[in-house]
């Protein structure tokens, strides 16, 4: 019986919103509201090549990654 119950549970979908998982007073939300990230595009303007087939990684995302890693206590929480 338990095997059948596990199979039934696997077929269920749950739709969640990531914004609902992060509290409104979280450090990352406050930093995102306080910092205007557009200056990063000006800093790296001449560093990215547009002639390649593959686009580069968004520089704002590269700067935000350490902020996100700061709030994660360990790999098991990812």
PDB file of N, CA and C in Angstrom:
ATOM      1  N   UNK A   1       0.805  -1.203   0.000  1.00  0.00           N
ATOM      2  CA  UNK A   1       0.000   0.000   0.000  1.00  0.00           C
ATOM      3  C   UNK A   1       0.849   1.270   0.000  1.00  0.00           C
ATOM      4  N   UNK A   2       1.922   1.281   0.757  1.00  0.00           N
ATOM      5  CA  UNK A   2       2.722   2.495   0.849  1.00  0.00           C
ATOM      6  C   UNK A   2       3.394   2.836  -0.475  1.00  0.00           C
ATOM      7  N   UNK A   3       3.746   1.839  -1.245  1.00  0.00           N
ATOM      8  CA  UNK A   3       4.366   2.104  -2.542  1.00  0.00           C
ATOM      9  C   UNK A   3       3.382   2.818  -3.454  1.00  0.00           C
ATOM     10  N   UNK A   4       2.143   2.394  -3.439  1.00  0.00           N
ATOM     11  CA  UNK A   4       1.133   3.044  -4.266  1.00  0.00           C
ATOM     12  C   UNK A   4       0.893   4.477  -3.804  1.00  0.00           C
ATOM     13  N   UNK A   5       0.914   4.715  -2.498  1.00  0.00           N
ATOM     14  CA  UNK A   5       0.714   6.067  -1.971  1.00  0.00           C
ATOM     15  C   UNK A   5       1.853   6.987  -2.404  1.00  0.00           C
ATOM     16  N   UNK A   6       3.078   6.497  -2.386  1.00  0.00           N
ATOM     17  CA  UNK A   6       4.215   7.309  -2.814  1.00  0.00           C
ATOM     18  C   UNK A   6       4.105   7.674  -4.289  1.00  0.00           C
ATOM     19  N   UNK A   7       3.669   6.735  -5.111  1.00  0.00           N
ATOM     20  CA  UNK A   7       3.515   7.011  -6.534  1.00  0.00           C
ATOM     21  C   UNK A   7       2.443   8.061  -6.776  1.00  0.00           C
ATOM     22  N   UNK A   8       1.376   8.050  -6.006  1.00  0.00           N
ATOM     23  CA  UNK A   8       0.328   9.055  -6.143  1.00  0.00           C
ATOM     24  C   UNK A   8       0.856  10.438  -5.782  1.00  0.00           C
ATOM     25  N   UNK A   9       1.662  10.507  -4.757  1.00  0.00           N
ATOM     26  CA  UNK A   9       2.202  11.796  -4.321  1.00  0.00           C
ATOM     27  C   UNK A   9       3.183  12.378  -5.329  1.00  0.00           C
ATOM     28  N   UNK A  10       3.872  11.562  -6.063  1.00  0.00           N
ATOM     29  CA  UNK A  10       4.844  12.045  -7.036  1.00  0.00           C
ATOM     30  C   UNK A  10       4.185  12.753  -8.211  1.00  0.00           C
ATOM     31  N   UNK A  11       2.966  12.416  -8.504  1.00  0.00           N
ATOM     32  CA  UNK A  11       2.287  12.988  -9.654  1.00  0.00           C
ATOM     33  C   UNK A  11       1.645  14.336  -9.346  1.00  0.00           C
ATOM     34  N   UNK A  12       1.758  14.793  -8.117  1.00  0.00           N
ATOM     35  CA  UNK A  12       1.144  16.057  -7.739  1.00  0.00           C
ATOM     36  C   UNK A  12       2.086  17.213  -8.033  1.00  0.00           C
ATOM     37  N   UNK A  13       1.513  18.321  -8.447  1.00  0.00           N
ATOM     38  CA  UNK A  13       2.267  19.541  -8.708  1.00  0.00           C
ATOM     39  C   UNK A  13       1.878  20.591  -7.690  1.00  0.00           C
ATOM     40  N   UNK A  14       2.835  21.385  -7.302  1.00  0.00           N
ATOM     41  CA  UNK A  14       2.548  22.494  -6.410  1.00  0.00           C
ATOM     42  C   UNK A  14       3.184  23.735  -7.005  1.00  0.00           C
ATOM     43  N   UNK A  15       2.389  24.735  -7.254  1.00  0.00           N
ATOM     44  CA  UNK A  15       2.886  25.981  -7.822  1.00  0.00           C
ATOM     45  C   UNK A  15       3.096  26.965  -6.684  1.00  0.00           C
ATOM     46  N   UNK A  16       4.322  27.468  -6.588  1.00  0.00           N
ATOM     47  CA  UNK A  16       4.638  28.432  -5.538  1.00  0.00           C
ATOM     48  C   UNK A  16       5.266  29.666  -6.169  1.00  0.00           C
ATOM     49  N   UNK A  17       5.197  30.744  -5.459  1.00  0.00           N
ATOM     50  CA  UNK A  17       5.817  31.994  -5.891  1.00  0.00           C
ATOM     51  C   UNK A  17       7.057  32.222  -5.034  1.00  0.00           C
ATOM     52  N   UNK A  18       8.190  32.423  -5.659  1.00  0.00           N
ATOM     53  CA  UNK A  18       9.434  32.607  -4.919  1.00  0.00           C
ATOM     54  C   UNK A  18       9.370  33.863  -4.050  1.00  0.00           C
ATOM     55  N   UNK A  19       8.669  34.876  -4.510  1.00  0.00           N
ATOM     56  CA  UNK A  19       8.532  36.094  -3.709  1.00  0.00           C
ATOM     57  C   UNK A  19       7.841  35.825  -2.379  1.00  0.00           C
ATOM     58  N   UNK A  20       6.966  34.842  -2.341  1.00  0.00           N
ATOM     59  CA  UNK A  20       6.286  34.503  -1.091  1.00  0.00           C
ATOM     60  C   UNK A  20       7.213  33.797  -0.111  1.00  0.00           C
ATOM     61  N   UNK A  21       8.276  33.181  -0.597  1.00  0.00           N
ATOM     62  CA  UNK A  21       9.203  32.453   0.264  1.00  0.00           C
ATOM     63  C   UNK A  21      10.198  33.371   0.968  1.00  0.00           C
ATOM     64  N   UNK A  22      10.460  34.538   0.392  1.00  0.00           N
ATOM     65  CA  UNK A  22      11.428  35.477   0.967  1.00  0.00           C
ATOM     66  C   UNK A  22      10.666  36.542   1.755  1.00  0.00           C
ATOM     67  N   UNK A  23      10.979  36.714   3.044  1.00  0.00           N
ATOM     68  CA  UNK A  23      10.274  37.720   3.843  1.00  0.00           C
ATOM     69  C   UNK A  23      10.496  39.134   3.306  1.00  0.00           C
ATOM     70  N   UNK A  24       9.537  40.010   3.534  1.00  0.00           N
ATOM     71  CA  UNK A  24       9.618  41.384   3.042  1.00  0.00           C
ATOM     72  C   UNK A  24      10.766  42.159   3.691  1.00  0.00           C
ATOM     73  N   UNK A  25      11.142  41.817   4.925  1.00  0.00           N
ATOM     74  CA  UNK A  25      12.216  42.535   5.613  1.00  0.00           C
ATOM     75  C   UNK A  25      13.577  41.842   5.469  1.00  0.00           C
ATOM     76  N   UNK A  26      13.723  40.972   4.475  1.00  0.00           N
ATOM     77  CA  UNK A  26      14.975  40.247   4.256  1.00  0.00           C
ATOM     78  C   UNK A  26      16.058  41.199   3.749  1.00  0.00           C
ATOM     79  N   UNK A  27      17.304  40.916   4.114  1.00  0.00           N
ATOM     80  CA  UNK A  27      18.443  41.750   3.738  1.00  0.00           C
ATOM     81  C   UNK A  27      18.558  41.916   2.222  1.00  0.00           C
ATOM     82  N   UNK A  28      18.327  40.864   1.460  1.00  0.00           N
ATOM     83  CA  UNK A  28      18.440  40.953   0.003  1.00  0.00           C
ATOM     84  C   UNK A  28      17.378  41.856  -0.601  1.00  0.00           C
ATOM     85  N   UNK A  29      16.180  41.829  -0.056  1.00  0.00           N
ATOM     86  CA  UNK A  29      15.127  42.729  -0.555  1.00  0.00           C
ATOM     87  C   UNK A  29      15.488  44.184  -0.267  1.00  0.00           C
ATOM     88  N   UNK A  30      16.013  44.441   0.924  1.00  0.00           N
ATOM     89  CA  UNK A  30      16.394  45.813   1.275  1.00  0.00           C
ATOM     90  C   UNK A  30      17.547  46.296   0.400  1.00  0.00           C
ATOM     91  N   UNK A  31      18.522  45.425   0.136  1.00  0.00           N
ATOM     92  CA  UNK A  31      19.651  45.802  -0.715  1.00  0.00           C
ATOM     93  C   UNK A  31      19.192  46.058  -2.145  1.00  0.00           C
ATOM     94  N   UNK A  32      18.258  45.261  -2.631  1.00  0.00           N
ATOM     95  CA  UNK A  32      17.763  45.438  -3.998  1.00  0.00           C
ATOM     96  C   UNK A  32      17.013  46.759  -4.142  1.00  0.00           C
ATOM     97  N   UNK A  33      16.301  47.166  -3.100  1.00  0.00           N
ATOM     98  CA  UNK A  33      15.589  48.448  -3.144  1.00  0.00           C
ATOM     99  C   UNK A  33      16.550  49.629  -2.993  1.00  0.00           C
ATOM    100  N   UNK A  34      17.624  49.449  -2.222  1.00  0.00           N
ATOM    101  CA  UNK A  34      18.535  50.554  -1.918  1.00  0.00           C
ATOM    102  C   UNK A  34      19.571  50.799  -3.013  1.00  0.00           C
ATOM    103  N   UNK A  35      19.943  49.767  -3.759  1.00  0.00           N
ATOM    104  CA  UNK A  35      21.024  49.878  -4.739  1.00  0.00           C
ATOM    105  C   UNK A  35      20.443  49.982  -6.143  1.00  0.00           C
ATOM    106  N   UNK A  36      20.911  50.971  -6.887  1.00  0.00           N
ATOM    107  CA  UNK A  36      20.562  51.091  -8.300  1.00  0.00           C
ATOM    108  C   UNK A  36      21.628  50.328  -9.092  1.00  0.00           C
ATOM    109  N   UNK A  37      21.281  49.183  -9.609  1.00  0.00           N
ATOM    110  CA  UNK A  37      22.238  48.273 -10.222  1.00  0.00           C
ATOM    111  C   UNK A  37      22.634  48.671 -11.641  1.00  0.00           C
ATOM    112  N   UNK A  38      22.045  49.703 -12.211  1.00  0.00           N
ATOM    113  CA  UNK A  38      22.321  50.047 -13.609  1.00  0.00           C
ATOM    114  C   UNK A  38      23.741  50.565 -13.834  1.00  0.00           C
ATOM    115  N   UNK A  39      24.410  51.031 -12.787  1.00  0.00           N
ATOM    116  CA  UNK A  39      25.776  51.538 -12.961  1.00  0.00           C
ATOM    117  C   UNK A  39      26.735  50.431 -13.394  1.00  0.00           C
ATOM    118  N   UNK A  40      26.401  49.190 -13.115  1.00  0.00           N
ATOM    119  CA  UNK A  40      27.273  48.070 -13.475  1.00  0.00           C
ATOM    120  C   UNK A  40      27.369  47.933 -14.992  1.00  0.00           C
ATOM    121  N   UNK A  41      26.269  48.181 -15.687  1.00  0.00           N
ATOM    122  CA  UNK A  41      26.293  48.100 -17.157  1.00  0.00           C
ATOM    123  C   UNK A  41      27.260  49.125 -17.742  1.00  0.00           C
ATOM    124  N   UNK A  42      27.336  50.311 -17.145  1.00  0.00           N
ATOM    125  CA  UNK A  42      28.266  51.336 -17.623  1.00  0.00           C
ATOM    126  C   UNK A  42      29.712  50.929 -17.358  1.00  0.00           C
ATOM    127  N   UNK A  43      29.960  50.272 -16.223  1.00  0.00           N
ATOM    128  CA  UNK A  43      31.324  49.853 -15.884  1.00  0.00           C
ATOM    129  C   UNK A  43      31.861  48.776 -16.832  1.00  0.00           C
ATOM    130  N   UNK A  44      31.002  47.905 -17.310  1.00  0.00           N
ATOM    131  CA  UNK A  44      31.452  46.779 -18.136  1.00  0.00           C
ATOM    132  C   UNK A  44      31.125  46.957 -19.611  1.00  0.00           C
ATOM    133  N   UNK A  45      30.761  48.139 -20.004  1.00  0.00           N
ATOM    134  CA  UNK A  45      30.301  48.381 -21.368  1.00  0.00           C
ATOM    135  C   UNK A  45      31.316  47.937 -22.424  1.00  0.00           C
ATOM    136  N   UNK A  46      32.576  48.208 -22.269  1.00  0.00           N
ATOM    137  CA  UNK A  46      33.578  47.835 -23.260  1.00  0.00           C
ATOM    138  C   UNK A  46      34.184  46.464 -23.051  1.00  0.00           C
ATOM    139  N   UNK A  47      33.740  45.745 -22.059  1.00  0.00           N
ATOM    140  CA  UNK A  47      34.342  44.455 -21.704  1.00  0.00           C
ATOM    141  C   UNK A  47      33.654  43.256 -22.353  1.00  0.00           C
ATOM    142  N   UNK A  48      32.464  43.444 -22.867  1.00  0.00           N
ATOM    143  CA  UNK A  48      31.718  42.347 -23.474  1.00  0.00           C
ATOM    144  C   UNK A  48      31.759  42.473 -24.988  1.00  0.00           C
ATOM    145  N   UNK A  49      31.946  41.342 -25.677  1.00  0.00           N
ATOM    146  CA  UNK A  49      31.984  41.321 -27.131  1.00  0.00           C
ATOM    147  C   UNK A  49      30.610  40.932 -27.659  1.00  0.00           C
ATOM    148  N   UNK A  50      30.085  41.709 -28.568  1.00  0.00           N
ATOM    149  CA  UNK A  50      28.773  41.423 -29.139  1.00  0.00           C
ATOM    150  C   UNK A  50      28.849  40.554 -30.385  1.00  0.00           C
ATOM    151  N   UNK A  51      30.052  40.324 -30.926  1.00  0.00           N
ATOM    152  CA  UNK A  51      30.174  39.584 -32.179  1.00  0.00           C
ATOM    153  C   UNK A  51      30.113  38.070 -31.989  1.00  0.00           C
ATOM    154  N   UNK A  52      30.188  37.588 -30.772  1.00  0.00           N
ATOM    155  CA  UNK A  52      30.153  36.148 -30.521  1.00  0.00           C
ATOM    156  C   UNK A  52      28.723  35.628 -30.625  1.00  0.00           C
ATOM    157  N   UNK A  53      28.601  34.344 -30.879  1.00  0.00           N
ATOM    158  CA  UNK A  53      27.276  33.732 -30.974  1.00  0.00           C
ATOM    159  C   UNK A  53      26.600  33.606 -29.613  1.00  0.00           C
ATOM    160  N   UNK A  54      27.380  33.326 -28.583  1.00  0.00           N
ATOM    161  CA  UNK A  54      26.793  33.142 -27.261  1.00  0.00           C
ATOM    162  C   UNK A  54      26.848  34.454 -26.484  1.00  0.00           C
ATOM    163  N   UNK A  55      25.738  34.881 -25.915  1.00  0.00           N
ATOM    164  CA  UNK A  55      25.763  36.111 -25.121  1.00  0.00           C
ATOM    165  C   UNK A  55      26.470  35.884 -23.790  1.00  0.00           C
ATOM    166  N   UNK A  56      27.056  36.936 -23.259  1.00  0.00           N
ATOM    167  CA  UNK A  56      27.712  36.848 -21.967  1.00  0.00           C
ATOM    168  C   UNK A  56      26.701  36.778 -20.835  1.00  0.00           C
ATOM    169  N   UNK A  57      27.193  36.439 -19.660  1.00  0.00           N
ATOM    170  CA  UNK A  57      26.335  36.392 -18.476  1.00  0.00           C
ATOM    171  C   UNK A  57      26.023  37.819 -18.057  1.00  0.00           C
ATOM    172  N   UNK A  58      24.804  38.046 -17.642  1.00  0.00           N
ATOM    173  CA  UNK A  58      24.376  39.364 -17.205  1.00  0.00           C
ATOM    174  C   UNK A  58      25.281  39.831 -16.061  1.00  0.00           C
ATOM    175  N   UNK A  59      25.982  40.964 -16.212  1.00  0.00           N
ATOM    176  CA  UNK A  59      26.913  41.405 -15.175  1.00  0.00           C
ATOM    177  C   UNK A  59      26.225  41.739 -13.858  1.00  0.00           C
ATOM    178  N   UNK A  60      24.990  42.193 -13.899  1.00  0.00           N
ATOM    179  CA  UNK A  60      24.268  42.475 -12.655  1.00  0.00           C
ATOM    180  C   UNK A  60      24.026  41.172 -11.894  1.00  0.00           C
ATOM    181  N   UNK A  61      23.710  40.112 -12.610  1.00  0.00           N
ATOM    182  CA  UNK A  61      23.519  38.813 -11.959  1.00  0.00           C
ATOM    183  C   UNK A  61      24.821  38.338 -11.320  1.00  0.00           C
ATOM    184  N   UNK A  62      25.953  38.567 -11.982  1.00  0.00           N
ATOM    185  CA  UNK A  62      27.246  38.168 -11.416  1.00  0.00           C
ATOM    186  C   UNK A  62      27.561  38.913 -10.129  1.00  0.00           C
ATOM    187  N   UNK A  63      27.136  40.162 -10.038  1.00  0.00           N
ATOM    188  CA  UNK A  63      27.379  40.944  -8.827  1.00  0.00           C
ATOM    189  C   UNK A  63      26.403  40.542  -7.725  1.00  0.00           C
ATOM    190  N   UNK A  64      25.192  40.164  -8.087  1.00  0.00           N
ATOM    191  CA  UNK A  64      24.186  39.792  -7.090  1.00  0.00           C
ATOM    192  C   UNK A  64      24.429  38.406  -6.492  1.00  0.00           C
ATOM    193  N   UNK A  65      25.126  37.529  -7.189  1.00  0.00           N
ATOM    194  CA  UNK A  65      25.353  36.160  -6.708  1.00  0.00           C
ATOM    195  C   UNK A  65      26.024  36.127  -5.333  1.00  0.00           C
ATOM    196  N   UNK A  66      27.087  36.898  -5.067  1.00  0.00           N
ATOM    197  CA  UNK A  66      27.662  36.865  -3.709  1.00  0.00           C
ATOM    198  C   UNK A  66      26.685  37.331  -2.628  1.00  0.00           C
ATOM    199  N   UNK A  67      25.805  38.263  -2.956  1.00  0.00           N
ATOM    200  CA  UNK A  67      24.790  38.679  -1.985  1.00  0.00           C
ATOM    201  C   UNK A  67      23.880  37.505  -1.633  1.00  0.00           C
ATOM    202  N   UNK A  68      23.484  36.759  -2.643  1.00  0.00           N
ATOM    203  CA  UNK A  68      22.604  35.618  -2.406  1.00  0.00           C
ATOM    204  C   UNK A  68      23.345  34.532  -1.635  1.00  0.00           C
ATOM    205  N   UNK A  69      24.612  34.286  -1.980  1.00  0.00           N
ATOM    206  CA  UNK A  69      25.394  33.266  -1.289  1.00  0.00           C
ATOM    207  C   UNK A  69      25.631  33.636   0.169  1.00  0.00           C
ATOM    208  N   UNK A  70      25.682  34.910   0.459  1.00  0.00           N
ATOM    209  CA  UNK A  70      25.891  35.358   1.834  1.00  0.00           C
ATOM    210  C   UNK A  70      24.743  34.911   2.740  1.00  0.00           C
ATOM    211  N   UNK A  71      23.536  34.882   2.215  1.00  0.00           N
ATOM    212  CA  UNK A  71      22.380  34.558   3.045  1.00  0.00           C
ATOM    213  C   UNK A  71      22.104  33.058   3.141  1.00  0.00           C
ATOM    214  N   UNK A  72      22.814  32.227   2.374  1.00  0.00           N
ATOM    215  CA  UNK A  72      22.600  30.777   2.419  1.00  0.00           C
ATOM    216  C   UNK A  72      23.580  30.182   3.426  1.00  0.00           C
ATOM    217  N   UNK A  73      23.076  29.525   4.487  1.00  0.00           N
ATOM    218  CA  UNK A  73      23.983  29.007   5.516  1.00  0.00           C
ATOM    219  C   UNK A  73      24.816  27.810   5.080  1.00  0.00           C
ATOM    220  N   UNK A  74      24.423  27.091   4.036  1.00  0.00           N
ATOM    221  CA  UNK A  74      25.202  25.943   3.588  1.00  0.00           C
ATOM    222  C   UNK A  74      24.630  25.365   2.315  1.00  0.00           C
ATOM    223  N   UNK A  75      25.357  24.412   1.730  1.00  0.00           N
ATOM    224  CA  UNK A  75      24.924  23.812   0.471  1.00  0.00           C
ATOM    225  C   UNK A  75      23.640  23.000   0.613  1.00  0.00           C
ATOM    226  N   UNK A  76      23.372  22.485   1.786  1.00  0.00           N
ATOM    227  CA  UNK A  76      22.184  21.649   1.964  1.00  0.00           C
ATOM    228  C   UNK A  76      20.896  22.451   1.887  1.00  0.00           C
ATOM    229  N   UNK A  77      20.976  23.761   2.024  1.00  0.00           N
ATOM    230  CA  UNK A  77      19.784  24.596   1.985  1.00  0.00           C
ATOM    231  C   UNK A  77      19.450  25.052   0.576  1.00  0.00           C
ATOM    232  N   UNK A  78      20.306  24.761  -0.388  1.00  0.00           N
ATOM    233  CA  UNK A  78      20.072  25.204  -1.766  1.00  0.00           C
ATOM    234  C   UNK A  78      19.087  24.281  -2.442  1.00  0.00           C
TER     235      UNK A  78
END
